[in-house]
Protein backbone atom coordinates (compact mmCIF):
# COMPACT_ATOMS: atom_id res chain seq x y z
CA MET A 1 97.42 71.70 134.50
CA ARG A 2 98.59 74.85 132.72
CA THR A 3 97.64 78.28 133.96
CA ILE A 4 98.24 81.38 131.87
CA LEU A 5 99.39 84.11 134.23
CA PRO A 6 98.92 87.83 133.62
CA ILE A 7 101.82 89.36 131.72
CA PRO A 8 102.94 92.94 132.26
CA THR A 9 102.54 95.05 129.16
CA GLY A 10 104.98 97.69 128.04
CA ARG A 11 107.76 98.40 125.62
CA GLU A 12 110.10 95.99 127.33
CA GLY A 13 107.72 93.04 126.95
CA TRP A 14 107.41 90.82 123.90
CA ASN A 15 103.84 89.70 124.47
CA LEU A 16 102.74 91.55 121.34
CA SER A 17 104.91 89.07 119.44
CA GLY A 18 103.38 86.11 121.23
CA THR A 19 105.53 85.31 124.30
CA SER A 20 103.91 84.46 127.63
CA VAL A 21 104.63 82.82 130.97
CA VAL A 22 102.86 79.52 131.67
CA GLN A 23 102.71 77.50 134.87
CA ARG A 24 103.33 73.77 134.40
CA GLY A 25 102.79 71.99 137.70
CA ARG A 26 105.19 73.55 140.20
CA ARG A 27 107.44 74.96 137.53
CA PHE A 28 107.08 77.79 135.05
CA ALA A 29 107.81 78.00 131.33
CA VAL A 30 108.04 80.66 128.66
CA VAL A 31 106.19 79.93 125.43
CA ALA A 32 106.90 81.93 122.29
CA TYR A 33 104.76 82.10 119.18
CA ALA A 34 106.89 80.72 116.36
CA GLY A 35 104.91 81.45 113.22
CA ILE A 36 102.85 79.21 110.94
CA ASP A 37 103.95 75.77 109.87
CA PRO A 38 103.95 75.96 106.02
CA LYS A 39 103.08 72.25 105.75
CA ASN A 40 99.91 72.11 107.83
CA GLY A 41 99.06 75.79 108.34
CA LYS A 42 99.01 75.45 112.13
CA GLN A 43 100.67 77.73 114.66
CA ARG A 44 104.07 76.71 115.99
CA GLN A 45 105.33 77.37 119.52
CA LYS A 46 108.72 77.18 121.16
CA TRP A 47 108.85 76.25 124.87
CA PHE A 48 111.53 77.21 127.40
CA ASN A 49 111.00 75.11 130.57
CA GLY A 50 112.41 74.65 134.04
CA PHE A 51 111.92 77.99 135.82
CA LYS A 52 111.29 77.66 139.55
CA THR A 53 109.43 80.94 139.98
CA HIS A 54 107.26 83.21 137.91
CA ARG A 55 109.80 86.00 138.45
CA GLU A 56 112.61 83.94 136.87
CA ALA A 57 110.41 83.08 133.88
CA GLU A 58 109.38 86.70 133.43
CA GLN A 59 113.00 87.86 133.51
CA PHE A 60 113.89 85.29 130.85
CA ARG A 61 110.93 86.43 128.77
CA LEU A 62 112.25 90.00 128.81
CA THR A 63 115.75 88.76 128.01
CA LEU A 64 114.37 86.74 125.12
CA ALA A 65 112.75 89.84 123.66
CA HIS A 66 116.13 91.59 123.54
CA HIS A 67 118.10 88.59 122.29
CA PRO A 68 120.39 89.45 119.33
CA SER A 69 118.49 87.08 117.08
CA PHE A 70 115.34 89.11 117.68
CA SER A 71 117.04 92.46 117.25
CA GLY A 72 118.52 91.11 114.01
CA GLY A 73 114.95 90.70 112.83
CA VAL A 74 114.66 86.92 112.60
CA GLY A 75 112.14 86.23 115.40
CA PRO A 76 111.89 83.01 117.43
CA TYR A 77 111.78 80.76 114.37
CA GLY A 78 112.62 83.21 111.62
CA SER A 79 115.52 82.10 109.47
CA PRO A 80 118.05 84.65 108.23
CA ARG A 81 118.01 82.67 104.96
CA LEU A 82 114.26 83.13 104.34
CA ARG A 83 113.97 85.13 101.12
CA THR A 84 111.37 87.86 100.79
CA GLY A 85 110.00 86.36 97.57
CA ASP A 86 109.54 82.92 99.15
CA TYR A 87 107.81 84.44 102.16
CA LEU A 88 105.44 86.52 100.02
CA THR A 89 104.47 83.50 97.91
CA THR A 90 103.73 81.33 100.95
CA TRP A 91 101.95 84.17 102.74
CA HIS A 92 99.66 84.86 99.79
CA GLU A 93 98.86 81.18 99.23
CA GLU A 94 97.89 80.83 102.89
CA ARG A 95 95.55 83.82 102.70
CA GLU A 96 93.89 82.39 99.59
CA ARG A 97 93.38 78.98 101.23
CA LEU A 98 91.91 80.63 104.32
CA GLY A 99 89.42 82.53 102.17
CA ALA A 100 90.69 85.89 103.41
CA LEU A 101 90.72 87.44 99.92
CA ARG A 102 88.13 88.12 97.26
CA VAL A 103 88.80 86.48 93.90
CA GLY A 104 89.61 89.77 92.21
CA THR A 105 91.73 90.98 95.12
CA ALA A 106 93.71 87.74 95.19
CA LYS A 107 94.42 88.02 91.46
CA ARG A 108 95.59 91.64 91.73
CA ASN A 109 97.74 90.94 94.79
CA ARG A 110 99.37 87.99 93.04
CA GLN A 111 100.18 90.20 90.07
CA HIS A 112 101.78 92.84 92.30
CA ILE A 113 103.92 90.19 93.98
CA THR A 114 105.04 88.36 90.84
CA LEU A 115 105.41 91.36 88.51
CA HIS A 116 106.50 94.23 90.75
CA ILE A 117 107.76 93.17 94.19
CA ALA A 118 109.47 89.79 93.85
CA PRO A 119 111.56 90.64 90.73
CA ASN A 120 113.11 93.59 92.57
CA ILE A 121 113.47 92.56 96.23
CA GLY A 122 112.45 88.89 96.24
CA HIS A 123 116.11 87.76 96.49
CA ILE A 124 116.76 89.78 99.66
CA PRO A 125 116.44 87.91 102.97
CA LEU A 126 113.32 88.98 104.81
CA ALA A 127 115.36 89.78 107.93
CA ARG A 128 117.52 92.22 105.96
CA LEU A 129 114.78 94.32 104.43
CA SER A 130 115.33 97.94 105.36
CA PRO A 131 113.48 101.21 104.75
CA ALA A 132 116.16 102.18 102.21
CA VAL A 133 115.61 98.98 100.22
CA ILE A 134 111.84 99.47 100.11
CA GLN A 135 112.19 103.16 99.27
CA ASN A 136 114.42 102.20 96.35
CA LEU A 137 111.72 99.73 95.25
CA TYR A 138 109.26 102.61 94.87
CA VAL A 139 111.72 104.59 92.77
CA THR A 140 112.51 101.57 90.58
CA LEU A 141 108.82 100.89 89.92
CA LEU A 142 108.17 104.54 89.08
CA ASP A 143 111.15 104.60 86.71
CA SER A 144 109.78 101.50 84.97
CA GLY A 145 106.72 103.49 83.96
CA LEU A 146 104.19 102.53 86.64
CA SER A 147 101.90 105.23 87.96
CA GLY A 148 102.05 106.45 91.53
CA SER A 149 98.66 104.81 92.20
CA THR A 150 99.89 101.40 91.00
CA VAL A 151 103.04 101.66 93.12
CA ARG A 152 100.93 102.56 96.15
CA ARG A 153 98.75 99.49 95.59
CA ALA A 154 101.82 97.25 95.36
CA ALA A 155 103.17 98.91 98.51
CA ALA A 156 99.90 98.17 100.32
CA VAL A 157 100.28 94.45 99.54
CA LEU A 158 103.87 94.47 100.80
CA HIS A 159 102.90 96.35 103.97
CA THR A 160 100.19 93.83 104.85
CA ALA A 161 102.63 90.95 104.28
CA LEU A 162 105.30 92.56 106.47
CA ARG A 163 102.76 93.35 109.16
CA ASP A 164 101.85 89.66 109.30
CA ALA A 165 105.56 88.78 109.41
CA VAL A 166 105.87 90.89 112.56
CA ARG A 167 102.86 89.13 114.10
CA ARG A 168 104.40 85.75 113.33
CA GLY A 169 107.69 86.68 114.92
CA LEU A 170 109.66 86.50 111.68
CA ILE A 171 110.81 90.13 111.92
CA ILE A 172 110.77 92.46 114.89
CA ARG A 173 109.41 95.56 113.13
CA ASN A 174 107.92 96.56 109.81
CA PRO A 175 110.64 98.38 107.83
CA GLN A 176 108.04 99.85 105.52
CA ASP A 177 106.68 102.08 108.29
CA ASN A 178 109.65 104.42 107.79
CA THR A 179 109.23 104.95 104.04
CA THR A 180 107.55 107.65 101.98
CA LEU A 181 104.97 106.58 99.43
CA PRO A 182 104.80 108.24 96.00
CA ARG A 183 101.99 110.64 95.35
CA ARG A 184 98.78 109.14 94.03
CA ALA A 185 97.99 110.14 90.47
CA GLN A 186 94.86 112.24 90.51
CA TYR A 187 92.29 110.98 88.02
CA ASP A 188 89.73 113.49 86.82
CA PRO A 189 86.75 111.54 85.49
CA ILE A 190 85.19 112.62 82.23
CA VAL A 191 81.62 113.41 83.21
CA PRO A 192 79.33 113.42 80.15
CA THR A 193 76.69 116.10 79.89
CA PRO A 194 72.98 115.22 79.99
CA GLU A 195 72.79 115.93 76.25
CA GLN A 196 75.68 113.53 75.56
CA VAL A 197 74.12 110.81 77.71
CA VAL A 198 70.77 111.17 75.90
CA THR A 199 72.56 110.91 72.54
CA TYR A 200 74.40 107.81 73.77
CA LEU A 201 71.24 106.12 75.10
CA ASP A 202 69.22 106.92 71.98
CA ASP A 203 71.86 105.21 69.85
CA ALA A 204 72.05 102.23 72.25
CA ARG A 205 68.29 101.79 72.03
CA GLU A 206 68.55 101.42 68.25
CA THR A 207 71.76 99.38 67.95
CA ALA A 208 72.15 97.28 71.14
CA THR A 209 70.04 94.49 72.59
CA PRO A 210 67.30 95.59 75.01
CA ALA A 211 69.36 94.13 77.89
CA ILE A 212 72.42 96.20 77.00
CA TRP A 213 70.30 99.32 76.51
CA ALA A 214 68.65 98.76 79.88
CA PHE A 215 72.10 98.29 81.43
CA TYR A 216 73.21 101.75 80.26
CA VAL A 217 69.94 103.42 81.27
CA THR A 218 70.05 101.87 84.74
CA ALA A 219 73.70 102.86 85.16
CA ALA A 220 72.93 106.50 84.36
CA ALA A 221 69.68 106.54 86.37
CA THR A 222 70.99 104.90 89.57
CA GLY A 223 74.76 105.32 89.67
CA LEU A 224 75.30 101.59 90.26
CA ARG A 225 78.78 100.26 89.57
CA GLU A 226 79.49 97.93 86.68
CA GLY A 227 79.91 94.83 88.83
CA GLU A 228 76.74 95.61 90.79
CA LEU A 229 74.74 95.90 87.57
CA LEU A 230 76.18 92.77 85.97
CA GLY A 231 75.52 90.78 89.15
CA LEU A 232 71.92 91.95 89.47
CA ARG A 233 69.52 89.01 89.69
CA ASP A 234 65.95 88.98 88.42
CA ASP A 235 64.55 88.72 91.94
CA ALA A 236 66.50 91.81 93.05
CA ILE A 237 64.13 94.11 91.14
CA ASP A 238 60.54 94.92 92.07
CA LEU A 239 59.24 96.93 89.12
CA ASP A 240 55.81 97.46 90.66
CA ARG A 241 57.32 99.09 93.75
CA ARG A 242 60.15 100.67 91.68
CA LEU A 243 62.83 99.16 93.93
CA LEU A 244 66.23 97.71 93.06
CA SER A 245 68.20 95.85 95.75
CA VAL A 246 72.00 95.62 95.58
CA ARG A 247 73.05 92.41 97.34
CA GLN A 248 75.93 91.09 95.24
CA GLN A 249 78.28 91.98 92.40
CA LEU A 250 79.65 89.92 89.56
CA VAL A 251 83.37 89.33 90.06
CA ARG A 252 84.04 87.04 87.11
CA ALA A 253 81.95 85.75 84.24
CA GLY A 254 82.68 82.49 82.45
CA ARG A 255 81.92 78.80 82.80
CA ASP A 256 81.58 79.31 86.58
CA LEU A 257 80.16 82.66 87.66
CA VAL A 258 81.90 84.20 90.67
CA PHE A 259 79.91 86.62 92.78
CA GLY A 260 81.02 88.71 95.72
CA GLN A 261 79.38 90.79 98.41
CA PRO A 262 79.54 94.58 98.28
CA LYS A 263 82.60 95.79 100.15
CA THR A 264 80.71 97.72 102.83
CA ALA A 265 77.39 97.54 104.65
CA ARG A 266 76.36 100.74 102.85
CA GLY A 267 77.03 98.97 99.57
CA ARG A 268 74.13 96.59 100.33
CA ARG A 269 71.32 99.01 99.63
CA THR A 270 67.94 99.52 98.02
CA VAL A 271 67.58 102.17 95.30
CA LEU A 272 64.36 103.78 94.09
CA LEU A 273 64.13 103.57 90.31
CA PRO A 274 63.03 106.47 88.11
CA ALA A 275 60.39 105.92 85.42
CA VAL A 276 62.92 105.86 82.57
CA ALA A 277 64.74 102.93 84.19
CA ILE A 278 61.45 101.09 84.80
CA GLU A 279 60.63 101.35 81.08
CA ALA A 280 64.05 100.04 80.05
CA LEU A 281 63.97 97.16 82.54
CA ARG A 282 60.51 96.08 81.42
CA ALA A 283 61.76 96.02 77.82
CA ALA A 284 64.77 93.92 78.87
CA HIS A 285 62.48 91.50 80.72
CA ARG A 286 60.22 91.08 77.65
CA TRP A 287 63.25 90.52 75.41
CA LYS A 288 64.65 87.89 77.74
CA ARG A 289 61.32 86.04 77.78
CA GLU A 290 61.21 86.14 73.97
CA GLN A 291 64.75 84.77 73.75
CA ARG A 292 63.82 81.91 76.07
CA LEU A 293 60.86 80.96 73.86
CA LYS A 294 62.88 81.39 70.68
CA LEU A 295 65.93 79.33 71.71
CA GLY A 296 64.22 76.72 73.87
CA PRO A 297 66.76 74.37 75.49
CA ARG A 298 69.64 76.39 74.00
CA PHE A 299 68.72 79.28 76.30
CA ARG A 300 70.79 78.95 79.47
CA ASP A 301 69.26 81.33 81.98
CA SER A 302 71.90 82.73 84.34
CA GLY A 303 69.21 84.38 86.43
CA LEU A 304 70.72 87.79 85.75
CA VAL A 305 68.82 90.87 84.61
CA PHE A 306 71.47 91.98 82.11
CA CYS A 307 72.47 88.95 80.06
CA GLY A 308 73.51 88.00 76.54
CA PRO A 309 71.18 86.67 73.80
CA THR A 310 71.53 83.09 75.12
CA GLY A 311 70.91 84.05 78.75
CA ALA A 312 74.58 83.89 79.76
CA ALA A 313 76.29 86.49 81.92
CA ILE A 314 77.96 89.37 80.10
CA HIS A 315 81.73 89.69 80.07
CA ALA A 316 82.39 93.29 81.03
CA SER A 317 85.55 93.61 78.95
CA ASP A 318 83.86 92.16 75.86
CA PHE A 319 80.88 94.49 75.67
CA TYR A 320 83.07 97.43 76.73
CA ARG A 321 85.29 96.88 73.66
CA ARG A 322 82.60 95.67 71.25
CA ASP A 323 79.72 97.97 72.15
CA HIS A 324 80.69 100.93 74.37
CA LEU A 325 83.92 102.11 72.74
CA PRO A 326 82.68 101.77 69.13
CA ARG A 327 79.57 103.78 70.04
CA LEU A 328 81.65 106.63 71.49
CA ALA A 329 83.77 106.70 68.35
CA ARG A 330 80.79 106.55 66.02
CA LEU A 331 78.96 109.39 67.81
CA GLY A 332 82.07 111.51 68.36
CA LEU A 333 81.51 111.57 72.14
CA PRO A 334 84.26 112.06 74.77
CA HIS A 335 86.09 108.89 75.79
CA PHE A 336 84.35 108.29 79.13
CA ARG A 337 84.25 104.97 80.97
CA ILE A 338 81.13 103.04 81.91
CA HIS A 339 82.05 103.81 85.52
CA ASP A 340 81.70 107.49 84.66
CA PHE A 341 77.92 107.02 84.49
CA LEU A 342 78.25 106.90 88.30
CA HIS A 343 80.03 110.28 88.28
CA PHE A 344 77.39 111.65 85.91
CA HIS A 345 74.62 110.53 88.27
CA ALA A 346 76.35 111.89 91.37
CA THR A 347 77.32 115.20 89.79
CA TYR A 348 73.85 116.09 88.60
CA LEU A 349 72.16 114.85 91.77
CA THR A 350 74.33 117.23 93.75
CA ALA A 351 73.97 120.09 91.29
CA ALA A 352 70.18 119.68 91.52
CA GLY A 353 70.32 120.17 95.28
CA VAL A 354 70.02 116.58 96.57
CA ASP A 355 71.58 116.51 100.03
CA PRO A 356 74.94 114.67 100.38
CA ARG A 357 73.63 112.00 102.78
CA THR A 358 70.83 110.95 100.41
CA ALA A 359 73.14 111.00 97.38
CA ALA A 360 75.82 109.01 99.26
CA ASP A 361 73.25 106.41 100.36
CA ARG A 362 72.06 106.04 96.76
CA LEU A 363 75.61 105.38 95.55
CA GLY A 364 76.61 103.18 98.50
CA HIS A 365 79.18 105.60 99.96
CA THR A 366 79.79 105.22 103.68
CA ASP A 367 81.01 108.77 104.26
CA PRO A 368 78.89 111.67 102.94
CA GLY A 369 81.92 113.88 103.55
CA PHE A 370 83.85 111.87 100.95
CA PHE A 371 80.96 112.34 98.55
CA THR A 372 80.97 116.10 99.15
CA ARG A 373 84.74 116.36 98.66
CA THR A 374 84.66 114.25 95.50
CA TYR A 375 81.87 116.24 93.88
CA SER A 376 82.80 119.65 95.25
CA HIS A 377 82.41 121.21 91.80
CA ALA A 378 78.76 120.16 91.73
CA VAL A 379 78.28 121.34 95.31
CA ALA A 380 79.64 124.74 94.27
CA ALA A 381 77.20 124.86 91.35
CA ALA A 382 74.31 124.03 93.69
CA GLN A 383 75.45 126.77 96.07
CA GLU A 384 75.52 129.27 93.20
CA ARG A 385 71.97 128.33 92.25
CA ALA A 386 70.83 128.56 95.88
CA ALA A 387 72.38 132.01 96.18
CA ALA A 388 70.67 133.15 92.98
CA ILE A 389 67.29 131.86 94.21
CA ALA A 390 67.76 133.62 97.54
CA ASN A 391 68.69 136.83 95.76
CA GLU A 392 65.65 136.61 93.49
CA LEU A 393 63.37 135.92 96.44
CA LEU A 394 64.61 138.91 98.40
CA THR A 395 64.69 141.37 95.51
CA LYS A 396 61.15 140.48 94.49
CA THR A 397 59.73 140.93 97.98
CA ALA A 398 61.94 143.75 99.20
CA PRO A 399 60.66 147.34 99.34
CA SER A 400 61.80 149.70 96.62
CA GLY A 401 65.23 151.14 97.08
CA TRP A 402 67.14 147.86 97.76
């Protein structure tokens, strides 16, 4: 019979790294977490047996935590020969197999590892990574032409990997904690004016399919993100009640569609549709029904609201290059992104006086404070209008002489 005894916590203990005292019959043992077996993915443990008393075992446990091999950063089973690149590859493959990553996230993380991190520090033993080495990595990536935002994203992948290495006992501390990240490049979205959006939508109504036109109208009228719109199923819209439910987003289109859940609970939301969006969605629904009758068995219904002429899901990059960008060039409009329809919607909601909590709920933001900070220029415009209305109210009702 094995009994896990309480372990004192504190700086001197190593229980955060997975060591504990265990009673085995009349004797005691110290068991140390020894990482993940790369062959079967199971946890490994190292046992130190033969202690007569709990006190002796506890003293050994504290001694083990300060052993030179630990202070050298190799952990109970960490090898000083384990290269950072090999560790990162194995670590990422394990997370993918465990389903801990979204498809898109896994792809981006793999790119950061193979293109940015491993070529620069992959040859260095994991146990010998230092803050200076990682700080130099940032500088090297910036000098290669990467933006501060891209370097920060690569650094986030590395930090998570090193954090897990600490948990597995491969290194004693995360060397990245003592580094300074580059500044994030500030992106100022190009927010089209209402007149520019109307010009854009009028042209789309004449030149694009009804589904594509409805896509743009819904984007501007609701502020939904591109993936949320492209992943919108037919049964997620109730046109009679004017409701649109966001329950999934399209991650990848192709032979096998890949859908993902919204990132936050606030992202799963129901949005009230304005009349202009209802009109566009009804037109898209009629067009889809006509295409089904016209093509017969050649129509492969994906079940999505915004689809191609054959019913297939739309590749975001394709219609962005083939429809959106040519339209901007033809009409002489500013080079805004499809995602900037969200900023258009949020900006003019705020400028019209919609309160931040309601606007944040409509866009799926968790924090209304973030919404207010992001669209502070629109908040300022709304404040100016409120002040003008208050001034007009008082001057009209005030006695003469004010």
